[in-house]
Protein backbone atom coordinates (compact mmCIF):
# COMPACT_ATOMS: atom_id res chain seq x y z
CA MET A 1 2.63 22.57 -11.90
CA TYR A 2 5.35 20.24 -10.13
CA SER A 3 6.85 18.11 -12.95
CA GLY A 4 5.52 15.97 -16.02
CA VAL A 5 5.12 16.69 -19.37
CA ALA A 6 1.89 18.84 -20.55
CA THR A 7 1.19 20.09 -23.77
CA ASP A 8 -2.19 20.76 -23.13
CA ASP A 9 -4.81 19.77 -20.60
CA ALA A 10 -5.48 16.47 -22.23
CA MET A 11 -1.87 15.57 -21.66
CA ASN A 12 -0.77 16.98 -18.30
CA LEU A 13 0.89 14.57 -16.46
CA ALA A 14 1.89 16.92 -13.42
CA MET A 15 1.42 16.66 -10.07
CA SER A 16 -1.55 18.63 -8.64
CA ALA A 17 -0.34 21.50 -6.05
CA LYS A 18 -2.20 19.71 -3.28
CA ALA A 19 -0.30 16.78 -3.63
CA VAL A 20 3.34 18.49 -3.57
CA PRO A 21 3.88 19.09 0.01
CA LEU A 22 2.93 15.38 0.62
CA TYR A 23 5.23 14.31 -1.88
CA GLU A 24 8.38 16.56 -0.22
CA ALA A 25 7.42 15.18 3.22
CA VAL A 26 7.62 11.16 1.77
CA LYS A 27 10.79 12.18 0.36
CA LYS A 28 12.18 13.74 3.26
CA PHE A 29 10.93 10.84 5.58
CA ILE A 30 12.44 8.07 3.50
CA SER A 31 16.30 9.96 3.37
CA GLU A 32 15.86 10.94 7.07
CA GLU A 33 13.64 8.08 8.94
CA ILE A 34 13.98 4.94 6.47
CA GLU A 35 17.33 5.10 5.19
CA PRO A 36 19.34 4.90 8.10
CA HIS A 37 17.20 2.00 9.13
CA THR A 38 17.10 -0.19 6.00
CA ARG A 39 20.71 -1.58 5.88
CA ARG A 40 19.98 -2.70 9.77
CA TYR A 41 16.40 -4.35 9.08
CA PHE A 42 17.98 -6.66 6.57
CA GLU A 43 20.99 -7.53 8.97
CA LEU A 44 18.21 -8.43 11.53
CA GLY A 45 16.90 -10.92 8.89
CA GLU A 46 20.07 -12.78 8.10
CA GLY A 47 20.06 -16.36 9.41
CA ARG A 48 16.64 -16.86 10.01
CA SER A 49 15.27 -20.20 9.57
CA ASP A 50 13.16 -19.64 6.46
CA ARG A 51 12.81 -17.14 3.99
CA TRP A 52 8.97 -16.22 4.74
CA SER A 53 10.01 -15.68 8.65
CA TYR A 54 11.29 -12.52 10.36
CA GLY A 55 14.47 -12.36 12.13
CA PRO A 56 14.64 -11.40 15.53
CA GLY A 57 14.03 -7.40 15.84
CA GLN A 58 12.80 -6.99 12.11
CA LEU A 59 9.03 -6.48 13.12
CA GLU A 60 10.03 -4.29 15.88
CA LEU A 61 12.12 -2.06 13.78
CA LEU A 62 9.23 -1.71 11.24
CA GLU A 63 6.66 -1.15 13.97
CA GLN A 64 8.87 1.70 15.36
CA LEU A 65 9.02 3.28 11.72
CA LYS A 66 5.26 2.72 11.24
CA SER A 67 4.57 4.53 14.22
CA LYS A 68 6.64 7.32 13.26
CA ALA A 69 5.19 7.48 9.70
CA LYS A 70 1.71 7.58 10.81
CA LYS A 71 2.54 10.27 13.43
CA ALA A 72 3.86 12.30 10.51
CA GLY A 73 0.82 11.83 8.58
CA LEU A 74 2.47 9.95 6.01
CA TRP A 75 0.27 6.87 5.67
CA ASN A 76 -2.16 5.07 3.35
CA PHE A 77 -1.51 7.65 0.08
CA PHE A 78 -3.07 5.02 -2.40
CA LEU A 79 -7.14 5.29 -1.58
CA PRO A 80 -8.68 8.28 -3.49
CA ASN A 81 -11.45 8.61 -0.90
CA ALA A 82 -10.61 11.29 0.97
CA GLU A 83 -12.47 9.79 4.11
CA THR A 84 -10.14 6.50 4.08
CA GLY A 85 -7.22 8.03 1.90
CA GLU A 86 -5.04 11.14 1.26
CA GLY A 87 -7.56 11.73 -1.54
CA LEU A 88 -4.95 11.87 -4.31
CA SER A 89 -5.61 11.05 -7.63
CA ASN A 90 -4.02 7.91 -9.23
CA LEU A 91 -1.48 10.36 -11.06
CA ASP A 92 -0.38 11.91 -7.80
CA TYR A 93 -0.09 8.75 -5.88
CA ALA A 94 2.11 7.38 -8.97
CA TYR A 95 4.35 10.41 -8.29
CA ILE A 96 4.87 8.92 -4.59
CA ALA A 97 4.78 5.25 -5.31
CA VAL A 98 7.77 5.97 -7.28
CA GLU A 99 9.64 7.72 -4.21
CA LEU A 100 8.42 4.61 -1.96
CA GLY A 101 9.87 2.04 -4.33
CA LYS A 102 12.96 3.29 -4.38
CA ASN A 103 13.61 1.56 -0.65
CA PRO A 104 12.58 -1.76 -0.32
CA ILE A 105 10.61 -0.97 3.13
CA ALA A 106 9.29 2.27 2.46
CA SER A 107 6.01 0.73 1.10
CA GLU A 108 5.65 -1.08 4.46
CA VAL A 109 6.73 1.35 6.62
CA MET A 110 3.87 3.99 5.28
CA ASN A 111 0.97 1.12 5.10
CA CYS A 112 1.17 1.29 0.87
CA SER A 113 2.35 -2.51 0.14
CA ALA A 114 0.66 -4.98 -1.63
CA PRO A 115 -1.61 -6.99 -0.95
CA ASP A 116 -3.14 -4.92 1.40
CA THR A 117 -3.47 -1.91 -0.95
CA GLY A 118 -5.47 -3.84 -3.26
CA ASN A 119 -7.51 -5.58 -0.45
CA MET A 120 -8.50 -2.19 1.21
CA GLU A 121 -9.15 -0.90 -2.35
CA VAL A 122 -11.79 -3.83 -2.67
CA LEU A 123 -13.14 -3.49 0.87
CA GLU A 124 -13.48 0.31 0.39
CA ARG A 125 -15.40 0.08 -2.95
CA VAL A 126 -17.88 -3.25 -2.32
CA GLY A 127 -17.49 -3.93 1.25
CA THR A 128 -20.26 -4.01 3.58
CA PRO A 129 -20.18 -1.87 6.45
CA GLU A 130 -19.66 -4.92 8.60
CA GLN A 131 -16.71 -5.93 6.36
CA LYS A 132 -15.14 -2.56 6.65
CA GLU A 133 -15.24 -2.54 10.42
CA LYS A 134 -13.93 -6.07 10.63
CA TRP A 135 -11.23 -5.57 7.89
CA LEU A 136 -10.52 -2.71 6.34
CA LYS A 137 -10.20 -0.13 9.81
CA PRO A 138 -7.46 -2.52 10.97
CA LEU A 139 -5.73 -3.15 7.61
CA MET A 140 -5.72 0.65 7.48
CA ASN A 141 -4.32 1.16 10.97
CA GLY A 142 -1.50 -1.51 10.36
CA GLU A 143 -2.90 -3.66 12.53
CA ILE A 144 -3.28 -6.55 10.64
CA ARG A 145 -2.00 -7.85 7.02
CA SER A 146 -4.20 -9.46 4.20
CA ALA A 147 -3.62 -11.77 1.55
CA TYR A 148 -5.01 -12.77 -1.68
CA ALA A 149 -4.99 -16.03 -3.61
CA MET A 150 -6.73 -17.56 -6.16
CA THR A 151 -6.84 -20.97 -8.27
CA GLU A 152 -8.46 -22.92 -10.26
CA PRO A 153 -8.44 -26.06 -12.89
CA ASP A 154 -7.28 -25.00 -16.37
CA VAL A 155 -6.84 -21.22 -15.83
CA ALA A 156 -3.28 -20.58 -15.47
CA SER A 157 -3.18 -16.88 -14.37
CA SER A 158 -3.18 -14.15 -11.43
CA ASP A 159 -5.73 -11.97 -13.09
CA ALA A 160 -9.15 -12.32 -11.22
CA LYS A 161 -11.19 -11.07 -14.34
CA ASN A 162 -9.74 -14.44 -16.09
CA LEU A 163 -11.45 -16.72 -13.58
CA ALA A 164 -13.68 -19.60 -15.39
CA CYS A 165 -15.80 -20.82 -12.30
CA ARG A 166 -19.18 -19.16 -11.56
CA ALA A 167 -21.16 -19.26 -8.45
CA GLU A 168 -24.83 -19.31 -8.93
CA ARG A 169 -27.93 -19.13 -6.41
CA ASP A 170 -29.89 -22.42 -6.09
CA GLY A 171 -32.22 -20.97 -3.43
CA ASP A 172 -30.88 -23.37 -0.74
CA GLU A 173 -28.57 -20.62 0.67
């Protein structure tokens, strides 16, 4: 057992032995590769025309760090399916997510940032083979970014289960 409070098997909140080396590698990579560049990343963003754009050099720096993370095998931890992700449990990923959250760019560098993570999970679970080829593969490779948006009258929420509208087939589609 690595860490956690374990009183019995039902309350075992310890990281699995399989995840420990990955967890240690993530911590080391953040410390040695990301932290030294974090201040520079934000300095490059100073003076940009709007808060939603990148400053000169910011994307290039991110891409350099992403390339290093990918080469180090520190990429896409959140998907439990071993064919598309690291095959970690949610508990194992939680420990890694804590480390990612300690640095403002670490999640992006290791391709574990929202909304991409949630959209990749949806595509992996319910996407057609064509959708997976067109959208999941490039998301997992860090080649594209995704978005998630929803709105409807009379429902104030970002909870997709709270949507009130419905789509019904009427035979003309």
